[in-house]
PDB file of N, CA and C in Angstrom:
ATOM      1  N   MET A   1      96.213  76.983 108.075  1.00  0.00           N
ATOM      2  CA  MET A   1      95.206  77.493 108.314  1.00  0.00           C
ATOM      3  C   MET A   1      95.594  79.301 109.058  1.00  0.00           C
ATOM      4  N   THR A   2      94.857  80.438 108.778  1.00  0.00           N
ATOM      5  CA  THR A   2      95.334  81.463 108.981  1.00  0.00           C
ATOM      6  C   THR A   2      94.446  81.807 110.282  1.00  0.00           C
ATOM      7  N   THR A   3      95.181  82.749 111.197  1.00  0.00           N
ATOM      8  CA  THR A   3      94.225  83.134 112.343  1.00  0.00           C
ATOM      9  C   THR A   3      93.858  84.409 112.101  1.00  0.00           C
ATOM     10  N   VAL A   4      92.572  84.815 112.595  1.00  0.00           N
ATOM     11  CA  VAL A   4      91.901  85.776 112.221  1.00  0.00           C
ATOM     12  C   VAL A   4      92.060  86.697 113.537  1.00  0.00           C
ATOM     13  N   PRO A   5      92.799  88.067 113.236  1.00  0.00           N
ATOM     14  CA  PRO A   5      93.007  88.730 114.325  1.00  0.00           C
ATOM     15  C   PRO A   5      91.710  89.705 114.946  1.00  0.00           C
ATOM     16  N   THR A   6      91.597  89.562 116.127  1.00  0.00           N
ATOM     17  CA  THR A   6      90.554  90.706 116.536  1.00  0.00           C
ATOM     18  C   THR A   6      91.091  91.926 116.892  1.00  0.00           C
ATOM     19  N   SER A   7      90.282  92.819 117.156  1.00  0.00           N
ATOM     20  CA  SER A   7      90.439  94.424 117.348  1.00  0.00           C
ATOM     21  C   SER A   7      91.590  94.638 118.448  1.00  0.00           C
ATOM     22  N   THR A   8      91.608  93.617 119.379  1.00  0.00           N
ATOM     23  CA  THR A   8      92.565  93.790 120.170  1.00  0.00           C
ATOM     24  C   THR A   8      93.755  92.806 120.165  1.00  0.00           C
ATOM     25  N   HIS A   9      93.862  92.349 119.135  1.00  0.00           N
ATOM     26  CA  HIS A   9      95.303  91.352 118.865  1.00  0.00           C
ATOM     27  C   HIS A   9      95.659  91.672 117.440  1.00  0.00           C
ATOM     28  N   LEU A  10      96.921  92.220 117.323  1.00  0.00           N
ATOM     29  CA  LEU A  10      97.333  92.663 116.199  1.00  0.00           C
ATOM     30  C   LEU A  10      98.750  91.830 116.334  1.00  0.00           C
ATOM     31  N   PRO A  11      99.006  91.136 115.102  1.00  0.00           N
ATOM     32  CA  PRO A  11     100.138  90.254 115.020  1.00  0.00           C
ATOM     33  C   PRO A  11     101.584  91.597 114.959  1.00  0.00           C
ATOM     34  N   MET A  12     102.568  90.984 115.451  1.00  0.00           N
ATOM     35  CA  MET A  12     103.924  91.712 115.181  1.00  0.00           C
ATOM     36  C   MET A  12     104.457  91.194 114.019  1.00  0.00           C
ATOM     37  N   SER A  13     105.172  92.030 113.737  1.00  0.00           N
ATOM     38  CA  SER A  13     106.194  91.527 112.554  1.00  0.00           C
ATOM     39  C   SER A  13     107.670  92.091 112.529  1.00  0.00           C
ATOM     40  N   PRO A  14     108.573  91.330 112.480  1.00  0.00           N
ATOM     41  CA  PRO A  14     109.979  91.335 112.469  1.00  0.00           C
ATOM     42  C   PRO A  14     110.490  92.648 111.402  1.00  0.00           C
ATOM     43  N   ASP A  15     109.742  92.491 110.340  1.00  0.00           N
ATOM     44  CA  ASP A  15     110.125  93.470 109.236  1.00  0.00           C
ATOM     45  C   ASP A  15     109.225  94.755 109.365  1.00  0.00           C
ATOM     46  N   PRO A  16     110.166  95.830 109.606  1.00  0.00           N
ATOM     47  CA  PRO A  16     109.464  97.355 109.817  1.00  0.00           C
ATOM     48  C   PRO A  16     108.654  97.549 108.839  1.00  0.00           C
ATOM     49  N   GLN A  17     108.708  97.413 107.551  1.00  0.00           N
ATOM     50  CA  GLN A  17     107.835  97.842 106.796  1.00  0.00           C
ATOM     51  C   GLN A  17     106.190  97.133 106.929  1.00  0.00           C
ATOM     52  N   LYS A  18     106.503  95.997 107.041  1.00  0.00           N
ATOM     53  CA  LYS A  18     105.204  95.351 107.556  1.00  0.00           C
ATOM     54  C   LYS A  18     104.423  95.937 108.678  1.00  0.00           C
ATOM     55  N   GLN A  19     105.253  96.018 109.737  1.00  0.00           N
ATOM     56  CA  GLN A  19     104.703  96.269 110.880  1.00  0.00           C
ATOM     57  C   GLN A  19     103.873  97.701 110.810  1.00  0.00           C
ATOM     58  N   GLU A  20     104.624  98.550 109.635  1.00  0.00           N
ATOM     59  CA  GLU A  20     104.179 100.091 109.715  1.00  0.00           C
ATOM     60  C   GLU A  20     102.854 100.022 109.104  1.00  0.00           C
ATOM     61  N   MET A  21     102.837  98.981 107.945  1.00  0.00           N
ATOM     62  CA  MET A  21     101.277  98.498 107.174  1.00  0.00           C
ATOM     63  C   MET A  21     100.318  98.227 108.377  1.00  0.00           C
ATOM     64  N   LEU A  22     100.662  97.416 109.081  1.00  0.00           N
ATOM     65  CA  LEU A  22      99.964  96.868 110.036  1.00  0.00           C
ATOM     66  C   LEU A  22      99.368  97.873 111.192  1.00  0.00           C
ATOM     67  N   ASP A  23     100.346  98.472 111.716  1.00  0.00           N
ATOM     68  CA  ASP A  23     100.053  99.840 112.345  1.00  0.00           C
ATOM     69  C   ASP A  23      98.802 100.656 111.704  1.00  0.00           C
ATOM     70  N   CYS A  24      99.142 100.953 110.453  1.00  0.00           N
ATOM     71  CA  CYS A  24      98.010 101.980 109.659  1.00  0.00           C
ATOM     72  C   CYS A  24      96.907 101.347 109.443  1.00  0.00           C
ATOM     73  N   ILE A  25      96.834  99.902 109.268  1.00  0.00           N
ATOM     74  CA  ILE A  25      95.458  99.062 109.004  1.00  0.00           C
ATOM     75  C   ILE A  25      94.853  99.199 110.301  1.00  0.00           C
ATOM     76  N   MET A  26      95.570  99.039 111.790  1.00  0.00           N
ATOM     77  CA  MET A  26      94.717  99.095 112.678  1.00  0.00           C
ATOM     78  C   MET A  26      94.360 100.437 113.162  1.00  0.00           C
ATOM     79  N   ALA A  27      95.067 101.683 112.669  1.00  0.00           N
ATOM     80  CA  ALA A  27      94.678 102.952 113.186  1.00  0.00           C
ATOM     81  C   ALA A  27      93.310 103.282 112.118  1.00  0.00           C
ATOM     82  N   LEU A  28      93.354 102.634 110.839  1.00  0.00           N
ATOM     83  CA  LEU A  28      92.036 102.878 110.087  1.00  0.00           C
ATOM     84  C   LEU A  28      90.966 101.981 110.619  1.00  0.00           C
ATOM     85  N   HIS A  29      91.229 100.841 111.328  1.00  0.00           N
ATOM     86  CA  HIS A  29      90.332 100.125 112.044  1.00  0.00           C
ATOM     87  C   HIS A  29      89.637 100.887 112.965  1.00  0.00           C
ATOM     88  N   VAL A  30      90.436 101.298 113.757  1.00  0.00           N
ATOM     89  CA  VAL A  30      89.775 101.735 115.233  1.00  0.00           C
ATOM     90  C   VAL A  30      89.004 103.149 114.656  1.00  0.00           C
ATOM     91  N   MET A  31      89.340 103.770 113.856  1.00  0.00           N
ATOM     92  CA  MET A  31      88.730 105.242 113.182  1.00  0.00           C
ATOM     93  C   MET A  31      87.258 104.580 112.776  1.00  0.00           C
ATOM     94  N   ASP A  32      87.366 103.636 111.786  1.00  0.00           N
ATOM     95  CA  ASP A  32      85.983 102.807 111.470  1.00  0.00           C
ATOM     96  C   ASP A  32      84.972 102.697 112.406  1.00  0.00           C
ATOM     97  N   MET A  33      85.530 102.039 113.513  1.00  0.00           N
ATOM     98  CA  MET A  33      84.607 101.573 114.473  1.00  0.00           C
ATOM     99  C   MET A  33      84.291 102.754 115.272  1.00  0.00           C
ATOM    100  N   LYS A  34      85.124 103.705 115.813  1.00  0.00           N
ATOM    101  CA  LYS A  34      84.516 104.958 116.216  1.00  0.00           C
ATOM    102  C   LYS A  34      83.409 105.677 115.525  1.00  0.00           C
ATOM    103  N   ARG A  35      83.709 105.847 114.332  1.00  0.00           N
ATOM    104  CA  ARG A  35      82.713 106.247 113.251  1.00  0.00           C
ATOM    105  C   ARG A  35      81.427 105.801 113.147  1.00  0.00           C
ATOM    106  N   LEU A  36      81.457 104.348 113.236  1.00  0.00           N
ATOM    107  CA  LEU A  36      80.204 103.491 113.118  1.00  0.00           C
ATOM    108  C   LEU A  36      79.707 103.654 114.870  1.00  0.00           C
ATOM    109  N   ASP A  37      80.442 103.653 115.912  1.00  0.00           N
ATOM    110  CA  ASP A  37      79.625 103.993 117.299  1.00  0.00           C
ATOM    111  C   ASP A  37      79.010 105.416 117.351  1.00  0.00           C
ATOM    112  N   GLU A  38      79.720 106.513 116.698  1.00  0.00           N
ATOM    113  CA  GLU A  38      79.274 107.783 116.804  1.00  0.00           C
ATOM    114  C   GLU A  38      78.086 107.907 115.512  1.00  0.00           C
ATOM    115  N   GLU A  39      77.733 107.202 114.725  1.00  0.00           N
ATOM    116  CA  GLU A  39      76.590 107.413 113.680  1.00  0.00           C
ATOM    117  C   GLU A  39      75.602 106.731 114.573  1.00  0.00           C
ATOM    118  N   ARG A  40      75.752 105.385 115.307  1.00  0.00           N
ATOM    119  CA  ARG A  40      74.599 104.748 115.959  1.00  0.00           C
ATOM    120  C   ARG A  40      74.284 105.718 117.096  1.00  0.00           C
ATOM    121  N   HIS A  41      75.008 106.233 117.804  1.00  0.00           N
ATOM    122  CA  HIS A  41      74.542 107.094 118.901  1.00  0.00           C
ATOM    123  C   HIS A  41      73.799 108.297 118.462  1.00  0.00           C
ATOM    124  N   VAL A  42      74.222 108.869 117.143  1.00  0.00           N
ATOM    125  CA  VAL A  42      73.336 110.141 116.872  1.00  0.00           C
ATOM    126  C   VAL A  42      71.884 109.397 116.307  1.00  0.00           C
ATOM    127  N   LEU A  43      72.071 108.386 115.758  1.00  0.00           N
ATOM    128  CA  LEU A  43      70.534 107.859 115.336  1.00  0.00           C
ATOM    129  C   LEU A  43      69.804 107.354 116.454  1.00  0.00           C
ATOM    130  N   LEU A  44      70.381 106.883 117.414  1.00  0.00           N
ATOM    131  CA  LEU A  44      69.563 106.515 118.783  1.00  0.00           C
ATOM    132  C   LEU A  44      68.996 107.782 119.384  1.00  0.00           C
ATOM    133  N   VAL A  45      69.661 108.576 119.696  1.00  0.00           N
ATOM    134  CA  VAL A  45      69.363 109.916 120.277  1.00  0.00           C
ATOM    135  C   VAL A  45      68.011 110.405 119.469  1.00  0.00           C
ATOM    136  N   HIS A  46      68.268 110.349 118.009  1.00  0.00           N
ATOM    137  CA  HIS A  46      67.177 111.000 117.241  1.00  0.00           C
ATOM    138  C   HIS A  46      65.936 110.272 117.418  1.00  0.00           C
ATOM    139  N   ILE A  47      66.068 108.913 117.577  1.00  0.00           N
ATOM    140  CA  ILE A  47      64.903 108.060 117.502  1.00  0.00           C
ATOM    141  C   ILE A  47      64.283 108.202 119.025  1.00  0.00           C
ATOM    142  N   LYS A  48      65.117 108.336 119.945  1.00  0.00           N
ATOM    143  CA  LYS A  48      64.653 108.712 121.165  1.00  0.00           C
ATOM    144  C   LYS A  48      63.834 110.122 121.342  1.00  0.00           C
ATOM    145  N   LYS A  49      64.475 110.809 120.883  1.00  0.00           N
ATOM    146  CA  LYS A  49      63.821 112.165 120.788  1.00  0.00           C
ATOM    147  C   LYS A  49      62.562 112.505 120.112  1.00  0.00           C
ATOM    148  N   HIS A  50      62.436 111.689 119.039  1.00  0.00           N
ATOM    149  CA  HIS A  50      61.117 111.955 118.176  1.00  0.00           C
ATOM    150  C   HIS A  50      60.033 110.693 118.028  1.00  0.00           C
ATOM    151  N   THR A  51      60.322 109.782 119.560  1.00  0.00           N
ATOM    152  CA  THR A  51      59.411 108.644 119.521  1.00  0.00           C
ATOM    153  C   THR A  51      58.724 108.916 120.883  1.00  0.00           C
ATOM    154  N   LYS A  52      57.163 108.859 120.889  1.00  0.00           N
ATOM    155  CA  LYS A  52      56.461 109.147 121.758  1.00  0.00           C
ATOM    156  C   LYS A  52      56.130 108.169 122.682  1.00  0.00           C
ATOM    157  N   HIS A  53      56.032 107.033 122.273  1.00  0.00           N
ATOM    158  CA  HIS A  53      55.700 105.821 123.187  1.00  0.00           C
ATOM    159  C   HIS A  53      56.748 104.816 123.178  1.00  0.00           C
ATOM    160  N   GLU A  54      56.983 104.274 124.163  1.00  0.00           N
ATOM    161  CA  GLU A  54      58.041 103.300 124.725  1.00  0.00           C
ATOM    162  C   GLU A  54      57.777 101.909 123.826  1.00  0.00           C
ATOM    163  N   SER A  55      57.004 101.685 123.359  1.00  0.00           N
ATOM    164  CA  SER A  55      56.850 100.220 122.692  1.00  0.00           C
ATOM    165  C   SER A  55      57.251 100.622 121.172  1.00  0.00           C
ATOM    166  N   ALA A  56      57.110 101.838 121.079  1.00  0.00           N
ATOM    167  CA  ALA A  56      57.318 102.154 119.299  1.00  0.00           C
ATOM    168  C   ALA A  56      58.850 102.565 119.332  1.00  0.00           C
ATOM    169  N   TYR A  57      59.348 102.934 120.445  1.00  0.00           N
ATOM    170  CA  TYR A  57      60.775 103.592 120.797  1.00  0.00           C
ATOM    171  C   TYR A  57      61.572 102.063 120.406  1.00  0.00           C
ATOM    172  N   LEU A  58      61.256 100.942 121.126  1.00  0.00           N
ATOM    173  CA  LEU A  58      61.870  99.591 121.131  1.00  0.00           C
ATOM    174  C   LEU A  58      61.912  98.940 120.009  1.00  0.00           C
ATOM    175  N   LEU A  59      60.595  99.206 119.028  1.00  0.00           N
ATOM    176  CA  LEU A  59      60.522  98.570 117.673  1.00  0.00           C
ATOM    177  C   LEU A  59      61.506  99.443 116.960  1.00  0.00           C
ATOM    178  N   LYS A  60      61.458 100.753 116.838  1.00  0.00           N
ATOM    179  CA  LYS A  60      62.611 101.580 115.987  1.00  0.00           C
ATOM    180  C   LYS A  60      63.904 101.068 116.380  1.00  0.00           C
ATOM    181  N   LEU A  61      64.302 100.942 117.642  1.00  0.00           N
ATOM    182  CA  LEU A  61      65.568 100.630 118.079  1.00  0.00           C
ATOM    183  C   LEU A  61      66.246  99.090 117.583  1.00  0.00           C
ATOM    184  N   ALA A  62      65.334  98.269 117.330  1.00  0.00           N
ATOM    185  CA  ALA A  62      65.836  97.154 116.728  1.00  0.00           C
ATOM    186  C   ALA A  62      66.679  97.056 115.491  1.00  0.00           C
ATOM    187  N   ALA A  63      66.059  97.732 114.418  1.00  0.00           N
ATOM    188  CA  ALA A  63      66.986  97.788 113.215  1.00  0.00           C
ATOM    189  C   ALA A  63      68.037  98.468 113.327  1.00  0.00           C
ATOM    190  N   PRO A  64      68.324  99.615 114.048  1.00  0.00           N
ATOM    191  CA  PRO A  64      69.594  99.983 114.044  1.00  0.00           C
ATOM    192  C   PRO A  64      70.609  99.412 114.638  1.00  0.00           C
ATOM    193  N   ASN A  65      70.107  98.615 115.675  1.00  0.00           N
ATOM    194  CA  ASN A  65      71.085  97.791 116.609  1.00  0.00           C
ATOM    195  C   ASN A  65      71.569  96.408 115.799  1.00  0.00           C
ATOM    196  N   ARG A  66      70.512  95.969 114.964  1.00  0.00           N
ATOM    197  CA  ARG A  66      70.918  94.881 114.034  1.00  0.00           C
ATOM    198  C   ARG A  66      71.886  95.414 112.864  1.00  0.00           C
ATOM    199  N   ASN A  67      71.634  96.486 112.477  1.00  0.00           N
ATOM    200  CA  ASN A  67      72.408  96.897 111.246  1.00  0.00           C
ATOM    201  C   ASN A  67      73.963  97.218 111.791  1.00  0.00           C
ATOM    202  N   TYR A  68      73.837  97.941 113.044  1.00  0.00           N
ATOM    203  CA  TYR A  68      75.067  98.138 113.515  1.00  0.00           C
ATOM    204  C   TYR A  68      75.957  96.939 113.806  1.00  0.00           C
ATOM    205  N   LYS A  69      75.616  95.827 114.490  1.00  0.00           N
ATOM    206  CA  LYS A  69      76.098  94.651 114.677  1.00  0.00           C
ATOM    207  C   LYS A  69      76.742  94.120 113.388  1.00  0.00           C
ATOM    208  N   ARG A  70      75.644  94.066 112.110  1.00  0.00           N
ATOM    209  CA  ARG A  70      76.190  93.494 110.884  1.00  0.00           C
ATOM    210  C   ARG A  70      77.295  94.651 110.458  1.00  0.00           C
ATOM    211  N   LEU A  71      77.462  96.053 110.674  1.00  0.00           N
ATOM    212  CA  LEU A  71      78.600  96.648 109.934  1.00  0.00           C
ATOM    213  C   LEU A  71      79.650  96.212 110.685  1.00  0.00           C
ATOM    214  N   ARG A  72      79.491  96.112 112.072  1.00  0.00           N
ATOM    215  CA  ARG A  72      80.858  95.875 113.067  1.00  0.00           C
ATOM    216  C   ARG A  72      81.475  94.464 112.644  1.00  0.00           C
ATOM    217  N   GLU A  73      80.688  93.508 112.445  1.00  0.00           N
ATOM    218  CA  GLU A  73      80.955  92.064 111.953  1.00  0.00           C
ATOM    219  C   GLU A  73      81.838  92.452 110.296  1.00  0.00           C
ATOM    220  N   ALA A  74      81.112  93.077 109.774  1.00  0.00           N
ATOM    221  CA  ALA A  74      81.604  93.219 108.326  1.00  0.00           C
ATOM    222  C   ALA A  74      83.200  94.015 108.423  1.00  0.00           C
ATOM    223  N   GLN A  75      83.193  95.005 109.173  1.00  0.00           N
ATOM    224  CA  GLN A  75      84.395  95.925 109.471  1.00  0.00           C
ATOM    225  C   GLN A  75      85.624  94.968 110.045  1.00  0.00           C
ATOM    226  N   SER A  76      85.049  93.940 111.179  1.00  0.00           N
ATOM    227  CA  SER A  76      86.144  93.133 111.385  1.00  0.00           C
ATOM    228  C   SER A  76      86.733  92.180 110.558  1.00  0.00           C
ATOM    229  N   ARG A  77      85.754  91.626 109.701  1.00  0.00           N
ATOM    230  CA  ARG A  77      86.245  90.493 108.708  1.00  0.00           C
ATOM    231  C   ARG A  77      87.053  91.506 107.756  1.00  0.00           C
ATOM    232  N   GLU A  78      86.991  92.721 107.396  1.00  0.00           N
ATOM    233  CA  GLU A  78      87.953  93.409 106.527  1.00  0.00           C
ATOM    234  C   GLU A  78      89.097  93.546 107.127  1.00  0.00           C
ATOM    235  N   PHE A  79      89.102  93.999 108.428  1.00  0.00           N
ATOM    236  CA  PHE A  79      90.378  94.237 108.865  1.00  0.00           C
ATOM    237  C   PHE A  79      91.263  92.932 108.918  1.00  0.00           C
ATOM    238  N   ALA A  80      90.669  91.751 109.259  1.00  0.00           N
ATOM    239  CA  ALA A  80      91.357  90.315 109.209  1.00  0.00           C
ATOM    240  C   ALA A  80      91.777  90.303 107.965  1.00  0.00           C
ATOM    241  N   VAL A  81      91.133  90.365 107.038  1.00  0.00           N
ATOM    242  CA  VAL A  81      91.525  90.200 105.498  1.00  0.00           C
ATOM    243  C   VAL A  81      92.693  91.032 105.168  1.00  0.00           C
ATOM    244  N   ARG A  82      92.755  92.221 105.587  1.00  0.00           N
ATOM    245  CA  ARG A  82      93.757  93.105 105.410  1.00  0.00           C
ATOM    246  C   ARG A  82      95.144  92.615 106.266  1.00  0.00           C
ATOM    247  N   VAL A  83      94.938  92.203 107.377  1.00  0.00           N
ATOM    248  CA  VAL A  83      96.097  91.804 108.116  1.00  0.00           C
ATOM    249  C   VAL A  83      96.557  90.668 107.751  1.00  0.00           C
ATOM    250  N   ASN A  84      95.811  89.743 107.369  1.00  0.00           N
ATOM    251  CA  ASN A  84      96.482  88.451 106.809  1.00  0.00           C
ATOM    252  C   ASN A  84      97.012  88.769 105.366  1.00  0.00           C
ATOM    253  N   ALA A  85      96.677  89.663 104.627  1.00  0.00           N
ATOM    254  CA  ALA A  85      97.304  89.825 103.357  1.00  0.00           C
ATOM    255  C   ALA A  85      98.517  90.482 103.703  1.00  0.00           C
ATOM    256  N   VAL A  86      98.842  91.270 104.686  1.00  0.00           N
ATOM    257  CA  VAL A  86     100.148  91.813 104.914  1.00  0.00           C
ATOM    258  C   VAL A  86     101.065  90.748 105.501  1.00  0.00           C
ATOM    259  N   MET A  87     100.685  89.996 106.244  1.00  0.00           N
ATOM    260  CA  MET A  87     101.521  88.708 106.863  1.00  0.00           C
ATOM    261  C   MET A  87     101.919  87.882 105.952  1.00  0.00           C
ATOM    262  N   LYS A  88     101.075  87.800 104.919  1.00  0.00           N
ATOM    263  CA  LYS A  88     101.249  86.774 103.715  1.00  0.00           C
ATOM    264  C   LYS A  88     102.471  87.245 102.802  1.00  0.00           C
ATOM    265  N   GLN A  89     102.558  88.760 102.692  1.00  0.00           N
ATOM    266  CA  GLN A  89     103.353  89.272 101.758  1.00  0.00           C
ATOM    267  C   GLN A  89     104.940  88.659 101.845  1.00  0.00           C
ATOM    268  N   GLN A  90     105.547  88.503 101.016  1.00  0.00           N
ATOM    269  CA  GLN A  90     107.049  87.969 100.954  1.00  0.00           C
ATOM    270  C   GLN A  90     107.993  89.299 101.166  1.00  0.00           C
ATOM    271  N   PRO A  91     108.820  89.386 102.177  1.00  0.00           N
ATOM    272  CA  PRO A  91     109.733  90.605 102.183  1.00  0.00           C
ATOM    273  C   PRO A  91     110.414  90.745 101.052  1.00  0.00           C
ATOM    274  N   THR A  92     110.508  92.196 100.725  1.00  0.00           N
ATOM    275  CA  THR A  92     111.168  92.530  99.590  1.00  0.00           C
ATOM    276  C   THR A  92     112.718  92.619  99.543  1.00  0.00           C
ATOM    277  N   PRO A  93     113.463  92.116  98.437  1.00  0.00           N
ATOM    278  CA  PRO A  93     114.981  91.856  99.120  1.00  0.00           C
ATOM    279  C   PRO A  93     115.562  93.270  99.171  1.00  0.00           C
ATOM    280  N   GLN A  94     116.484  93.370  99.643  1.00  0.00           N
ATOM    281  CA  GLN A  94     116.983  94.835 100.067  1.00  0.00           C
ATOM    282  C   GLN A  94     118.500  94.830  98.942  1.00  0.00           C
ATOM    283  N   GLU A  95     118.417  95.714  98.515  1.00  0.00           N
ATOM    284  CA  GLU A  95     119.438  95.828  97.507  1.00  0.00           C
ATOM    285  C   GLU A  95     120.776  96.487  97.966  1.00  0.00           C
TER     286      GLU A  95
END
C-alpha cells in the first residue's frame, strides 16, 4: 500500500537525485496551489463588484467555490501520483 503524501508532508529520500526531483515536484505543487488561490480571489472580487443583491451574490459564489475545491483535490492527487512515482523508481547504478 502506498502512502499518499499531503502538501505538508513530503517524503525524504537518501538518494540525492530522487530528493532533487521531490523538491521540484513540491515547488511546482506550491506554485499551482498559489495560482488556484489567486484565480479564485480574482473571480470572487469580480462577482462581489458586479452583483447587486446579496442572495444573487451567494448563489454566484457557490459554483466557483465548488470548482475551486475540485481543482485543489485534483491537484493534490496529481502531486501524490508524481511523488509515489519518484519514490518507486529504482536507483540508477553508478559507474
